[in-house]
Amino acid sequence: MATDYDAPRKTEEEQSEDSIEELKARRHEKNSGKVDEDETEAAESFELPGADLSHEELAVQVVPKQVDEFTCSSCFLVHHRSQLATEKNGELICRDCAD
């Protein structure tokens, strides 16, 4: 930040008064947009790795691989035939893994 050495200097008393007023103004600005959040409530909504999910049910319908789809030999994801990049020795590779 550039410093203007020609500007009139303030006394320590004037600087402290300005600083207090500025701090009060900043405090009100910061708190105006702040949302109070209960940390305990927020922490309860997070799922930790390795959590017991035995009571959960699968809510997605699983559809078998279609005729126009293939399983990539590298990433093991099912892709549409339009995503096929190469076929080497019977191994199908998708465009994402070929790059």
PDB file of N, CA and C in Angstrom:
ATOM      1  N   MET A   1       0.838  -1.162   0.000  1.00  0.00           N
ATOM      2  CA  MET A   1       0.000   0.000   0.000  1.00  0.00           C
ATOM      3  C   MET A   1       0.896   1.243   0.000  1.00  0.00           C
ATOM      4  N   ALA A   2       0.541   2.223  -0.837  1.00  0.00           N
ATOM      5  CA  ALA A   2       1.338   3.440  -0.956  1.00  0.00           C
ATOM      6  C   ALA A   2       1.081   4.352   0.242  1.00  0.00           C
ATOM      7  N   THR A   3       2.121   5.052   0.672  1.00  0.00           N
ATOM      8  CA  THR A   3       2.017   5.976   1.797  1.00  0.00           C
ATOM      9  C   THR A   3       2.228   7.399   1.286  1.00  0.00           C
ATOM     10  N   ASP A   4       1.326   8.273   1.650  1.00  0.00           N
ATOM     11  CA  ASP A   4       1.450   9.683   1.270  1.00  0.00           C
ATOM     12  C   ASP A   4       2.191  10.410   2.380  1.00  0.00           C
ATOM     13  N   TYR A   5       3.469  10.726   2.132  1.00  0.00           N
ATOM     14  CA  TYR A   5       4.286  11.362   3.151  1.00  0.00           C
ATOM     15  C   TYR A   5       4.000  12.856   3.280  1.00  0.00           C
ATOM     16  N   ASP A   6       3.275  13.433   2.301  1.00  0.00           N
ATOM     17  CA  ASP A   6       2.940  14.858   2.338  1.00  0.00           C
ATOM     18  C   ASP A   6       1.652  15.136   3.094  1.00  0.00           C
ATOM     19  N   ALA A   7       0.895  14.116   3.427  1.00  0.00           N
ATOM     20  CA  ALA A   7      -0.382  14.305   4.139  1.00  0.00           C
ATOM     21  C   ALA A   7      -0.111  14.785   5.563  1.00  0.00           C
ATOM     22  N   PRO A   8      -1.012  15.632   6.094  1.00  0.00           N
ATOM     23  CA  PRO A   8      -0.810  16.100   7.476  1.00  0.00           C
ATOM     24  C   PRO A   8      -0.914  14.928   8.455  1.00  0.00           C
ATOM     25  N   ARG A   9      -0.086  14.948   9.453  1.00  0.00           N
ATOM     26  CA  ARG A   9      -0.062  13.860  10.429  1.00  0.00           C
ATOM     27  C   ARG A   9      -1.015  14.157  11.568  1.00  0.00           C
ATOM     28  N   LYS A  10      -1.580  13.102  12.096  1.00  0.00           N
ATOM     29  CA  LYS A  10      -2.505  13.230  13.233  1.00  0.00           C
ATOM     30  C   LYS A  10      -1.757  12.916  14.511  1.00  0.00           C
ATOM     31  N   THR A  11      -2.255  13.457  15.587  1.00  0.00           N
ATOM     32  CA  THR A  11      -1.662  13.149  16.886  1.00  0.00           C
ATOM     33  C   THR A  11      -2.134  11.772  17.328  1.00  0.00           C
ATOM     34  N   GLU A  12      -1.483  11.235  18.325  1.00  0.00           N
ATOM     35  CA  GLU A  12      -1.864   9.909  18.828  1.00  0.00           C
ATOM     36  C   GLU A  12      -3.297   9.911  19.337  1.00  0.00           C
ATOM     37  N   GLU A  13      -3.711  10.994  19.935  1.00  0.00           N
ATOM     38  CA  GLU A  13      -5.070  11.100  20.475  1.00  0.00           C
ATOM     39  C   GLU A  13      -6.089  11.062  19.344  1.00  0.00           C
ATOM     40  N   GLU A  14      -5.829  11.767  18.260  1.00  0.00           N
ATOM     41  CA  GLU A  14      -6.744  11.764  17.113  1.00  0.00           C
ATOM     42  C   GLU A  14      -6.792  10.391  16.456  1.00  0.00           C
ATOM     43  N   GLN A  15      -5.645   9.738  16.388  1.00  0.00           N
ATOM     44  CA  GLN A  15      -5.600   8.406  15.795  1.00  0.00           C
ATOM     45  C   GLN A  15      -6.398   7.407  16.619  1.00  0.00           C
ATOM     46  N   SER A  16      -6.291   7.479  17.941  1.00  0.00           N
ATOM     47  CA  SER A  16      -7.017   6.531  18.790  1.00  0.00           C
ATOM     48  C   SER A  16      -8.520   6.774  18.711  1.00  0.00           C
ATOM     49  N   GLU A  17      -8.947   8.028  18.604  1.00  0.00           N
ATOM     50  CA  GLU A  17     -10.375   8.325  18.473  1.00  0.00           C
ATOM     51  C   GLU A  17     -10.911   7.779  17.160  1.00  0.00           C
ATOM     52  N   ASP A  18     -10.166   8.019  16.086  1.00  0.00           N
ATOM     53  CA  ASP A  18     -10.592   7.501  14.787  1.00  0.00           C
ATOM     54  C   ASP A  18     -10.629   5.972  14.811  1.00  0.00           C
ATOM     55  N   SER A  19      -9.642   5.383  15.431  1.00  0.00           N
ATOM     56  CA  SER A  19      -9.573   3.928  15.470  1.00  0.00           C
ATOM     57  C   SER A  19     -10.759   3.334  16.204  1.00  0.00           C
ATOM     58  N   ILE A  20     -11.135   3.915  17.302  1.00  0.00           N
ATOM     59  CA  ILE A  20     -12.276   3.401  18.071  1.00  0.00           C
ATOM     60  C   ILE A  20     -13.552   3.519  17.257  1.00  0.00           C
ATOM     61  N   GLU A  21     -13.735   4.661  16.609  1.00  0.00           N
ATOM     62  CA  GLU A  21     -14.931   4.849  15.789  1.00  0.00           C
ATOM     63  C   GLU A  21     -14.948   3.867  14.618  1.00  0.00           C
ATOM     64  N   GLU A  22     -13.805   3.678  13.984  1.00  0.00           N
ATOM     65  CA  GLU A  22     -13.722   2.736  12.876  1.00  0.00           C
ATOM     66  C   GLU A  22     -14.001   1.311  13.339  1.00  0.00           C
ATOM     67  N   LEU A  23     -13.460   0.963  14.484  1.00  0.00           N
ATOM     68  CA  LEU A  23     -13.693  -0.390  15.011  1.00  0.00           C
ATOM     69  C   LEU A  23     -15.160  -0.624  15.310  1.00  0.00           C
ATOM     70  N   LYS A  24     -15.818   0.374  15.889  1.00  0.00           N
ATOM     71  CA  LYS A  24     -17.252   0.238  16.166  1.00  0.00           C
ATOM     72  C   LYS A  24     -18.038   0.076  14.886  1.00  0.00           C
ATOM     73  N   ALA A  25     -17.694   0.840  13.870  1.00  0.00           N
ATOM     74  CA  ALA A  25     -18.387   0.747  12.584  1.00  0.00           C
ATOM     75  C   ALA A  25     -18.163  -0.620  11.951  1.00  0.00           C
ATOM     76  N   ARG A  26     -16.934  -1.109  11.996  1.00  0.00           N
ATOM     77  CA  ARG A  26     -16.630  -2.431  11.430  1.00  0.00           C
ATOM     78  C   ARG A  26     -17.358  -3.541  12.178  1.00  0.00           C
ATOM     79  N   ARG A  27     -17.448  -3.404  13.484  1.00  0.00           N
ATOM     80  CA  ARG A  27     -18.130  -4.425  14.283  1.00  0.00           C
ATOM     81  C   ARG A  27     -19.580  -4.547  13.856  1.00  0.00           C
ATOM     82  N   HIS A  28     -20.250  -3.427  13.641  1.00  0.00           N
ATOM     83  CA  HIS A  28     -21.648  -3.463  13.218  1.00  0.00           C
ATOM     84  C   HIS A  28     -21.783  -4.018  11.808  1.00  0.00           C
ATOM     85  N   GLU A  29     -20.835  -3.714  10.937  1.00  0.00           N
ATOM     86  CA  GLU A  29     -20.871  -4.227   9.572  1.00  0.00           C
ATOM     87  C   GLU A  29     -20.696  -5.736   9.558  1.00  0.00           C
ATOM     88  N   LYS A  30     -19.762  -6.255  10.337  1.00  0.00           N
ATOM     89  CA  LYS A  30     -19.507  -7.691  10.363  1.00  0.00           C
ATOM     90  C   LYS A  30     -20.681  -8.462  10.942  1.00  0.00           C
ATOM     91  N   ASN A  31     -21.292  -7.942  11.984  1.00  0.00           N
ATOM     92  CA  ASN A  31     -22.379  -8.656  12.639  1.00  0.00           C
ATOM     93  C   ASN A  31     -23.679  -8.569  11.866  1.00  0.00           C
ATOM     94  N   SER A  32     -23.834  -7.613  10.976  1.00  0.00           N
ATOM     95  CA  SER A  32     -25.098  -7.454  10.276  1.00  0.00           C
ATOM     96  C   SER A  32     -25.397  -8.644   9.371  1.00  0.00           C
ATOM     97  N   GLY A  33     -24.394  -9.234   8.731  1.00  0.00           N
ATOM     98  CA  GLY A  33     -24.615 -10.360   7.846  1.00  0.00           C
ATOM     99  C   GLY A  33     -24.353 -11.706   8.490  1.00  0.00           C
ATOM    100  N   LYS A  34     -23.986 -11.724   9.724  1.00  0.00           N
ATOM    101  CA  LYS A  34     -23.619 -12.962  10.407  1.00  0.00           C
ATOM    102  C   LYS A  34     -24.857 -13.758  10.793  1.00  0.00           C
ATOM    103  N   VAL A  35     -24.791 -15.053  10.583  1.00  0.00           N
ATOM    104  CA  VAL A  35     -25.882 -15.943  10.943  1.00  0.00           C
ATOM    105  C   VAL A  35     -25.454 -16.744  12.158  1.00  0.00           C
ATOM    106  N   ASP A  36     -26.279 -16.736  13.179  1.00  0.00           N
ATOM    107  CA  ASP A  36     -25.961 -17.538  14.362  1.00  0.00           C
ATOM    108  C   ASP A  36     -26.191 -19.005  14.033  1.00  0.00           C
ATOM    109  N   GLU A  37     -25.206 -19.823  14.332  1.00  0.00           N
ATOM    110  CA  GLU A  37     -25.307 -21.241  14.042  1.00  0.00           C
ATOM    111  C   GLU A  37     -24.907 -22.024  15.286  1.00  0.00           C
ATOM    112  N   ASP A  38     -25.737 -22.960  15.640  1.00  0.00           N
ATOM    113  CA  ASP A  38     -25.449 -23.806  16.786  1.00  0.00           C
ATOM    114  C   ASP A  38     -24.458 -24.874  16.342  1.00  0.00           C
ATOM    115  N   GLU A  39     -23.262 -24.868  16.896  1.00  0.00           N
ATOM    116  CA  GLU A  39     -22.223 -25.801  16.479  1.00  0.00           C
ATOM    117  C   GLU A  39     -22.602 -27.249  16.760  1.00  0.00           C
ATOM    118  N   THR A  40     -23.265 -27.480  17.855  1.00  0.00           N
ATOM    119  CA  THR A  40     -23.666 -28.846  18.203  1.00  0.00           C
ATOM    120  C   THR A  40     -24.668 -29.372  17.188  1.00  0.00           C
ATOM    121  N   GLU A  41     -25.617 -28.542  16.816  1.00  0.00           N
ATOM    122  CA  GLU A  41     -26.632 -28.958  15.852  1.00  0.00           C
ATOM    123  C   GLU A  41     -25.999 -29.208  14.479  1.00  0.00           C
ATOM    124  N   ALA A  42     -25.061 -28.377  14.090  1.00  0.00           N
ATOM    125  CA  ALA A  42     -24.382 -28.549  12.812  1.00  0.00           C
ATOM    126  C   ALA A  42     -23.544 -29.824  12.814  1.00  0.00           C
ATOM    127  N   ALA A  43     -22.902 -30.143  13.909  1.00  0.00           N
ATOM    128  CA  ALA A  43     -22.057 -31.329  13.989  1.00  0.00           C
ATOM    129  C   ALA A  43     -22.882 -32.613  13.940  1.00  0.00           C
ATOM    130  N   GLU A  44     -24.098 -32.575  14.436  1.00  0.00           N
ATOM    131  CA  GLU A  44     -24.939 -33.773  14.425  1.00  0.00           C
ATOM    132  C   GLU A  44     -25.377 -34.155  13.019  1.00  0.00           C
ATOM    133  N   SER A  45     -25.406 -33.208  12.096  1.00  0.00           N
ATOM    134  CA  SER A  45     -25.875 -33.496  10.742  1.00  0.00           C
ATOM    135  C   SER A  45     -24.786 -34.138   9.880  1.00  0.00           C
ATOM    136  N   PHE A  46     -23.516 -34.135  10.318  1.00  0.00           N
ATOM    137  CA  PHE A  46     -22.436 -34.710   9.534  1.00  0.00           C
ATOM    138  C   PHE A  46     -22.336 -36.211   9.788  1.00  0.00           C
ATOM    139  N   GLU A  47     -22.127 -36.949   8.690  1.00  0.00           N
ATOM    140  CA  GLU A  47     -21.906 -38.384   8.797  1.00  0.00           C
ATOM    141  C   GLU A  47     -20.406 -38.643   8.796  1.00  0.00           C
ATOM    142  N   LEU A  48     -19.924 -39.359   9.760  1.00  0.00           N
ATOM    143  CA  LEU A  48     -18.514 -39.682   9.835  1.00  0.00           C
ATOM    144  C   LEU A  48     -18.213 -40.950   9.045  1.00  0.00           C
ATOM    145  N   PRO A  49     -17.014 -41.063   8.474  1.00  0.00           N
ATOM    146  CA  PRO A  49     -16.643 -42.291   7.771  1.00  0.00           C
ATOM    147  C   PRO A  49     -16.687 -43.477   8.735  1.00  0.00           C
ATOM    148  N   GLY A  50     -17.195 -44.573   8.248  1.00  0.00           N
ATOM    149  CA  GLY A  50     -17.289 -45.765   9.071  1.00  0.00           C
ATOM    150  C   GLY A  50     -18.503 -45.772   9.979  1.00  0.00           C
ATOM    151  N   ALA A  51     -19.434 -44.843   9.767  1.00  0.00           N
ATOM    152  CA  ALA A  51     -20.639 -44.785  10.591  1.00  0.00           C
ATOM    153  C   ALA A  51     -21.515 -45.997  10.315  1.00  0.00           C
ATOM    154  N   ASP A  52     -22.299 -46.393  11.278  1.00  0.00           N
ATOM    155  CA  ASP A  52     -23.195 -47.539  11.143  1.00  0.00           C
ATOM    156  C   ASP A  52     -24.391 -47.146  10.278  1.00  0.00           C
ATOM    157  N   LEU A  53     -24.458 -47.723   9.085  1.00  0.00           N
ATOM    158  CA  LEU A  53     -25.547 -47.434   8.152  1.00  0.00           C
ATOM    159  C   LEU A  53     -26.450 -48.650   7.952  1.00  0.00           C
ATOM    160  N   SER A  54     -26.436 -49.577   8.896  1.00  0.00           N
ATOM    161  CA  SER A  54     -27.206 -50.807   8.744  1.00  0.00           C
ATOM    162  C   SER A  54     -28.709 -50.556   8.729  1.00  0.00           C
ATOM    163  N   HIS A  55     -29.159 -49.452   9.319  1.00  0.00           N
ATOM    164  CA  HIS A  55     -30.591 -49.162   9.348  1.00  0.00           C
ATOM    165  C   HIS A  55     -31.059 -48.401   8.104  1.00  0.00           C
ATOM    166  N   GLU A  56     -30.109 -48.012   7.221  1.00  0.00           N
ATOM    167  CA  GLU A  56     -30.446 -47.270   6.004  1.00  0.00           C
ATOM    168  C   GLU A  56     -30.898 -48.226   4.906  1.00  0.00           C
ATOM    169  N   GLU A  57     -31.822 -47.757   4.069  1.00  0.00           N
ATOM    170  CA  GLU A  57     -32.294 -48.551   2.943  1.00  0.00           C
ATOM    171  C   GLU A  57     -31.895 -47.876   1.643  1.00  0.00           C
ATOM    172  N   LEU A  58     -31.645 -48.680   0.611  1.00  0.00           N
ATOM    173  CA  LEU A  58     -31.294 -48.168  -0.695  1.00  0.00           C
ATOM    174  C   LEU A  58     -32.544 -47.615  -1.365  1.00  0.00           C
ATOM    175  N   ALA A  59     -32.498 -46.344  -1.764  1.00  0.00           N
ATOM    176  CA  ALA A  59     -33.669 -45.698  -2.358  1.00  0.00           C
ATOM    177  C   ALA A  59     -33.484 -45.473  -3.850  1.00  0.00           C
ATOM    178  N   VAL A  60     -32.539 -46.180  -4.481  1.00  0.00           N
ATOM    179  CA  VAL A  60     -32.265 -46.023  -5.900  1.00  0.00           C
ATOM    180  C   VAL A  60     -32.590 -47.331  -6.603  1.00  0.00           C
ATOM    181  N   GLN A  61     -33.245 -47.206  -7.749  1.00  0.00           N
ATOM    182  CA  GLN A  61     -33.549 -48.406  -8.512  1.00  0.00           C
ATOM    183  C   GLN A  61     -32.324 -48.779  -9.341  1.00  0.00           C
ATOM    184  N   VAL A  62     -31.836 -49.985  -9.182  1.00  0.00           N
ATOM    185  CA  VAL A  62     -30.659 -50.454  -9.897  1.00  0.00           C
ATOM    186  C   VAL A  62     -31.108 -51.132 -11.176  1.00  0.00           C
ATOM    187  N   VAL A  63     -30.551 -50.661 -12.306  1.00  0.00           N
ATOM    188  CA  VAL A  63     -30.921 -51.192 -13.617  1.00  0.00           C
ATOM    189  C   VAL A  63     -29.724 -51.960 -14.154  1.00  0.00           C
ATOM    190  N   PRO A  64     -29.926 -53.154 -14.714  1.00  0.00           N
ATOM    191  CA  PRO A  64     -28.796 -53.908 -15.259  1.00  0.00           C
ATOM    192  C   PRO A  64     -28.170 -53.190 -16.465  1.00  0.00           C
ATOM    193  N   LYS A  65     -26.937 -53.561 -16.793  1.00  0.00           N
ATOM    194  CA  LYS A  65     -26.237 -52.964 -17.923  1.00  0.00           C
ATOM    195  C   LYS A  65     -27.029 -53.223 -19.201  1.00  0.00           C
ATOM    196  N   GLN A  66     -27.210 -52.177 -20.002  1.00  0.00           N
ATOM    197  CA  GLN A  66     -27.979 -52.274 -21.237  1.00  0.00           C
ATOM    198  C   GLN A  66     -27.095 -52.764 -22.381  1.00  0.00           C
ATOM    199  N   VAL A  67     -27.703 -53.100 -23.495  1.00  0.00           N
ATOM    200  CA  VAL A  67     -26.991 -53.635 -24.649  1.00  0.00           C
ATOM    201  C   VAL A  67     -26.008 -52.613 -25.213  1.00  0.00           C
ATOM    202  N   ASP A  68     -26.361 -51.319 -25.176  1.00  0.00           N
ATOM    203  CA  ASP A  68     -25.507 -50.275 -25.742  1.00  0.00           C
ATOM    204  C   ASP A  68     -24.546 -49.665 -24.719  1.00  0.00           C
ATOM    205  N   GLU A  69     -24.254 -50.387 -23.640  1.00  0.00           N
ATOM    206  CA  GLU A  69     -23.354 -49.908 -22.599  1.00  0.00           C
ATOM    207  C   GLU A  69     -22.200 -50.890 -22.420  1.00  0.00           C
ATOM    208  N   PHE A  70     -21.103 -50.411 -21.842  1.00  0.00           N
ATOM    209  CA  PHE A  70     -19.945 -51.270 -21.564  1.00  0.00           C
ATOM    210  C   PHE A  70     -19.353 -50.882 -20.217  1.00  0.00           C
ATOM    211  N   THR A  71     -18.601 -51.788 -19.624  1.00  0.00           N
ATOM    212  CA  THR A  71     -17.905 -51.530 -18.366  1.00  0.00           C
ATOM    213  C   THR A  71     -16.440 -51.284 -18.683  1.00  0.00           C
ATOM    214  N   CYS A  72     -15.938 -50.135 -18.266  1.00  0.00           N
ATOM    215  CA  CYS A  72     -14.543 -49.778 -18.518  1.00  0.00           C
ATOM    216  C   CYS A  72     -13.634 -50.704 -17.711  1.00  0.00           C
ATOM    217  N   SER A  73     -12.579 -51.188 -18.342  1.00  0.00           N
ATOM    218  CA  SER A  73     -11.642 -52.092 -17.675  1.00  0.00           C
ATOM    219  C   SER A  73     -10.713 -51.359 -16.721  1.00  0.00           C
ATOM    220  N   SER A  74     -10.664 -50.034 -16.818  1.00  0.00           N
ATOM    221  CA  SER A  74      -9.773 -49.268 -15.966  1.00  0.00           C
ATOM    222  C   SER A  74     -10.503 -48.722 -14.729  1.00  0.00           C
ATOM    223  N   CYS A  75     -11.622 -48.021 -14.935  1.00  0.00           N
ATOM    224  CA  CYS A  75     -12.322 -47.397 -13.802  1.00  0.00           C
ATOM    225  C   CYS A  75     -13.522 -48.221 -13.334  1.00  0.00           C
ATOM    226  N   PHE A  76     -13.921 -49.233 -14.098  1.00  0.00           N
ATOM    227  CA  PHE A  76     -15.015 -50.144 -13.755  1.00  0.00           C
ATOM    228  C   PHE A  76     -16.378 -49.460 -13.673  1.00  0.00           C
ATOM    229  N   LEU A  77     -16.511 -48.336 -14.380  1.00  0.00           N
ATOM    230  CA  LEU A  77     -17.806 -47.661 -14.473  1.00  0.00           C
ATOM    231  C   LEU A  77     -18.510 -48.090 -15.750  1.00  0.00           C
ATOM    232  N   VAL A  78     -19.833 -48.062 -15.715  1.00  0.00           N
ATOM    233  CA  VAL A  78     -20.627 -48.409 -16.893  1.00  0.00           C
ATOM    234  C   VAL A  78     -20.849 -47.138 -17.700  1.00  0.00           C
ATOM    235  N   HIS A  79     -20.470 -47.188 -18.993  1.00  0.00           N
ATOM    236  CA  HIS A  79     -20.593 -46.044 -19.901  1.00  0.00           C
ATOM    237  C   HIS A  79     -21.407 -46.437 -21.119  1.00  0.00           C
ATOM    238  N   HIS A  80     -21.916 -45.431 -21.836  1.00  0.00           N
ATOM    239  CA  HIS A  80     -22.582 -45.655 -23.113  1.00  0.00           C
ATOM    240  C   HIS A  80     -21.511 -45.950 -24.159  1.00  0.00           C
ATOM    241  N   ARG A  81     -21.859 -46.688 -25.204  1.00  0.00           N
ATOM    242  CA  ARG A  81     -20.890 -47.055 -26.249  1.00  0.00           C
ATOM    243  C   ARG A  81     -20.236 -45.836 -26.890  1.00  0.00           C
ATOM    244  N   SER A  82     -20.908 -44.682 -26.869  1.00  0.00           N
ATOM    245  CA  SER A  82     -20.325 -43.480 -27.460  1.00  0.00           C
ATOM    246  C   SER A  82     -19.105 -43.003 -26.670  1.00  0.00           C
ATOM    247  N   GLN A  83     -18.907 -43.480 -25.437  1.00  0.00           N
ATOM    248  CA  GLN A  83     -17.763 -43.110 -24.610  1.00  0.00           C
ATOM    249  C   GLN A  83     -16.582 -44.065 -24.768  1.00  0.00           C
ATOM    250  N   LEU A  84     -16.715 -45.058 -25.659  1.00  0.00           N
ATOM    251  CA  LEU A  84     -15.660 -46.042 -25.858  1.00  0.00           C
ATOM    252  C   LEU A  84     -14.487 -45.407 -26.602  1.00  0.00           C
ATOM    253  N   ALA A  85     -13.297 -45.486 -26.034  1.00  0.00           N
ATOM    254  CA  ALA A  85     -12.103 -44.912 -26.657  1.00  0.00           C
ATOM    255  C   ALA A  85     -11.316 -45.983 -27.386  1.00  0.00           C
ATOM    256  N   THR A  86     -10.976 -47.058 -26.699  1.00  0.00           N
ATOM    257  CA  THR A  86     -10.186 -48.132 -27.313  1.00  0.00           C
ATOM    258  C   THR A  86     -10.667 -49.484 -26.818  1.00  0.00           C
ATOM    259  N   GLU A  87     -10.351 -50.469 -27.639  1.00  0.00           N
ATOM    260  CA  GLU A  87     -10.631 -51.855 -27.257  1.00  0.00           C
ATOM    261  C   GLU A  87      -9.378 -52.657 -27.570  1.00  0.00           C
ATOM    262  N   LYS A  88      -8.633 -53.007 -26.513  1.00  0.00           N
ATOM    263  CA  LYS A  88      -7.386 -53.747 -26.681  1.00  0.00           C
ATOM    264  C   LYS A  88      -7.515 -55.115 -26.036  1.00  0.00           C
ATOM    265  N   ASN A  89      -7.312 -56.148 -26.813  1.00  0.00           N
ATOM    266  CA  ASN A  89      -7.340 -57.525 -26.304  1.00  0.00           C
ATOM    267  C   ASN A  89      -8.620 -57.814 -25.524  1.00  0.00           C
ATOM    268  N   GLY A  90      -9.718 -57.287 -25.978  1.00  0.00           N
ATOM    269  CA  GLY A  90     -10.991 -57.523 -25.315  1.00  0.00           C
ATOM    270  C   GLY A  90     -11.260 -56.600 -24.131  1.00  0.00           C
ATOM    271  N   GLU A  91     -10.312 -55.727 -23.803  1.00  0.00           N
ATOM    272  CA  GLU A  91     -10.495 -54.786 -22.710  1.00  0.00           C
ATOM    273  C   GLU A  91     -11.051 -53.477 -23.267  1.00  0.00           C
ATOM    274  N   LEU A  92     -12.176 -53.045 -22.728  1.00  0.00           N
ATOM    275  CA  LEU A  92     -12.819 -51.809 -23.153  1.00  0.00           C
ATOM    276  C   LEU A  92     -12.396 -50.661 -22.241  1.00  0.00           C
ATOM    277  N   ILE A  93     -11.940 -49.568 -22.853  1.00  0.00           N
ATOM    278  CA  ILE A  93     -11.456 -48.409 -22.088  1.00  0.00           C
ATOM    279  C   ILE A  93     -12.290 -47.192 -22.482  1.00  0.00           C
ATOM    280  N   CYS A  94     -12.767 -46.452 -21.474  1.00  0.00           N
ATOM    281  CA  CYS A  94     -13.572 -45.261 -21.732  1.00  0.00           C
ATOM    282  C   CYS A  94     -12.689 -44.080 -22.113  1.00  0.00           C
ATOM    283  N   ARG A  95     -13.276 -43.005 -22.624  1.00  0.00           N
ATOM    284  CA  ARG A  95     -12.521 -41.814 -23.043  1.00  0.00           C
ATOM    285  C   ARG A  95     -11.819 -41.148 -21.852  1.00  0.00           C
ATOM    286  N   ASP A  96     -12.455 -41.139 -20.700  1.00  0.00           N
ATOM    287  CA  ASP A  96     -11.845 -40.510 -19.538  1.00  0.00           C
ATOM    288  C   ASP A  96     -10.550 -41.199 -19.119  1.00  0.00           C
ATOM    289  N   CYS A  97     -10.535 -42.511 -19.168  1.00  0.00           N
ATOM    290  CA  CYS A  97      -9.342 -43.261 -18.748  1.00  0.00           C
ATOM    291  C   CYS A  97      -8.272 -43.278 -19.848  1.00  0.00           C
ATOM    292  N   ALA A  98      -8.653 -43.111 -21.099  1.00  0.00           N
ATOM    293  CA  ALA A  98      -7.706 -43.124 -22.208  1.00  0.00           C
ATOM    294  C   ALA A  98      -6.881 -41.858 -22.249  1.00  0.00           C
ATOM    295  N   ASP A  99      -7.368 -40.756 -21.673  1.00  0.00           N
ATOM    296  CA  ASP A  99      -6.646 -39.469 -21.714  1.00  0.00           C
ATOM    297  C   ASP A  99      -5.456 -39.465 -20.818  1.00  0.00           C
TER     298      ASP A  99
END
